[in-house]
Amino acid sequence: MDDDDSEYQQAAQRADRATRRAWSTIAWTTGALGCTLITIALLCTAAAVACLYAVAASHY
């Protein structure tokens, strides 16, 4: 009976570690994707402002 209990405990610990690792990976990936999307949005905004400036400058 003790062998069954220890196997159960080991399996529970492995599952807990795997769950924590998965959540850590999800959090890191979400953060990286969020930073990437913010960077793309900033670059697109800068490009749009530069285009508007170029168009406005060409009319004067």
C-alpha atoms as a PDB file:
ATOM      1  CA  MET A   1       0.000   0.000   0.000  1.00  0.00           C
ATOM      2  CA  ASP A   2       2.881   2.374   0.755  1.00  0.00           C
ATOM      3  CA  ASP A   3       4.269   1.815  -2.745  1.00  0.00           C
ATOM      4  CA  ASP A   4       0.955   2.890  -4.243  1.00  0.00           C
ATOM      5  CA  ASP A   5       0.907   5.997  -2.058  1.00  0.00           C
ATOM      6  CA  SER A   6       4.460   6.966  -2.958  1.00  0.00           C
ATOM      7  CA  GLU A   7       3.783   6.417  -6.668  1.00  0.00           C
ATOM      8  CA  TYR A   8       0.672   8.562  -6.367  1.00  0.00           C
ATOM      9  CA  GLN A   9       2.657  11.295  -4.597  1.00  0.00           C
ATOM     10  CA  GLN A  10       5.373  11.209  -7.260  1.00  0.00           C
ATOM     11  CA  ALA A  11       2.795  11.374 -10.048  1.00  0.00           C
ATOM     12  CA  ALA A  12       1.049  14.277  -8.333  1.00  0.00           C
ATOM     13  CA  GLN A  13       4.357  16.137  -7.964  1.00  0.00           C
ATOM     14  CA  ARG A  14       5.241  15.556 -11.635  1.00  0.00           C
ATOM     15  CA  ALA A  15       1.816  16.795 -12.691  1.00  0.00           C
ATOM     16  CA  ASP A  16       2.189  19.866 -10.488  1.00  0.00           C
ATOM     17  CA  ARG A  17       5.622  20.673 -11.962  1.00  0.00           C
ATOM     18  CA  ALA A  18       4.313  20.188 -15.500  1.00  0.00           C
ATOM     19  CA  THR A  19       1.351  22.468 -14.788  1.00  0.00           C
ATOM     20  CA  ARG A  20       3.585  25.195 -13.362  1.00  0.00           C
ATOM     21  CA  ARG A  21       5.947  24.890 -16.329  1.00  0.00           C
ATOM     22  CA  ALA A  22       3.033  25.141 -18.758  1.00  0.00           C
ATOM     23  CA  TRP A  23       1.637  28.262 -17.072  1.00  0.00           C
ATOM     24  CA  SER A  24       5.093  29.812 -17.034  1.00  0.00           C
ATOM     25  CA  THR A  25       5.464  29.138 -20.752  1.00  0.00           C
ATOM     26  CA  ILE A  26       2.017  30.558 -21.468  1.00  0.00           C
ATOM     27  CA  ALA A  27       2.774  33.701 -19.459  1.00  0.00           C
ATOM     28  CA  TRP A  28       6.136  34.216 -21.176  1.00  0.00           C
ATOM     29  CA  THR A  29       4.657  33.670 -24.637  1.00  0.00           C
ATOM     30  CA  THR A  30       1.753  36.015 -23.959  1.00  0.00           C
ATOM     31  CA  GLY A  31       4.153  38.672 -22.715  1.00  0.00           C
ATOM     32  CA  ALA A  32       6.434  38.285 -25.718  1.00  0.00           C
ATOM     33  CA  LEU A  33       3.514  38.457 -28.138  1.00  0.00           C
ATOM     34  CA  GLY A  34       2.122  41.487 -26.342  1.00  0.00           C
ATOM     35  CA  CYS A  35       5.449  43.308 -26.586  1.00  0.00           C
ATOM     36  CA  THR A  36       5.703  42.398 -30.248  1.00  0.00           C
ATOM     37  CA  LEU A  37       2.216  43.716 -30.992  1.00  0.00           C
ATOM     38  CA  ILE A  38       2.931  46.959 -29.133  1.00  0.00           C
ATOM     39  CA  THR A  39       6.176  47.382 -31.077  1.00  0.00           C
ATOM     40  CA  ILE A  40       4.397  46.786 -34.389  1.00  0.00           C
ATOM     41  CA  ALA A  41       1.673  49.274 -33.442  1.00  0.00           C
ATOM     42  CA  LEU A  42       4.271  51.911 -32.551  1.00  0.00           C
ATOM     43  CA  LEU A  43       6.194  51.349 -35.783  1.00  0.00           C
ATOM     44  CA  CYS A  44       3.008  51.567 -37.858  1.00  0.00           C
ATOM     45  CA  THR A  45       2.016  54.769 -36.067  1.00  0.00           C
ATOM     46  CA  ALA A  46       5.448  56.268 -36.710  1.00  0.00           C
ATOM     47  CA  ALA A  47       5.245  55.273 -40.381  1.00  0.00           C
ATOM     48  CA  ALA A  48       1.762  56.806 -40.707  1.00  0.00           C
ATOM     49  CA  VAL A  49       2.925  60.060 -39.110  1.00  0.00           C
ATOM     50  CA  ALA A  50       5.959  60.141 -41.418  1.00  0.00           C
ATOM     51  CA  CYS A  51       3.716  59.624 -44.454  1.00  0.00           C
ATOM     52  CA  LEU A  52       1.346  62.374 -43.357  1.00  0.00           C
ATOM     53  CA  TYR A  53       4.281  64.685 -42.783  1.00  0.00           C
ATOM     54  CA  ALA A  54       5.696  63.874 -46.230  1.00  0.00           C
ATOM     55  CA  VAL A  55       2.348  64.494 -47.890  1.00  0.00           C
ATOM     56  CA  ALA A  56       1.840  67.748 -46.000  1.00  0.00           C
ATOM     57  CA  ALA A  57       5.399  68.890 -46.804  1.00  0.00           C
ATOM     58  CA  SER A  58       4.945  68.161 -50.501  1.00  0.00           C
ATOM     59  CA  HIS A  59       1.944  70.497 -50.688  1.00  0.00           C
ATOM     60  CA  TYR A  60       3.840  73.516 -49.354  1.00  0.00           C
END
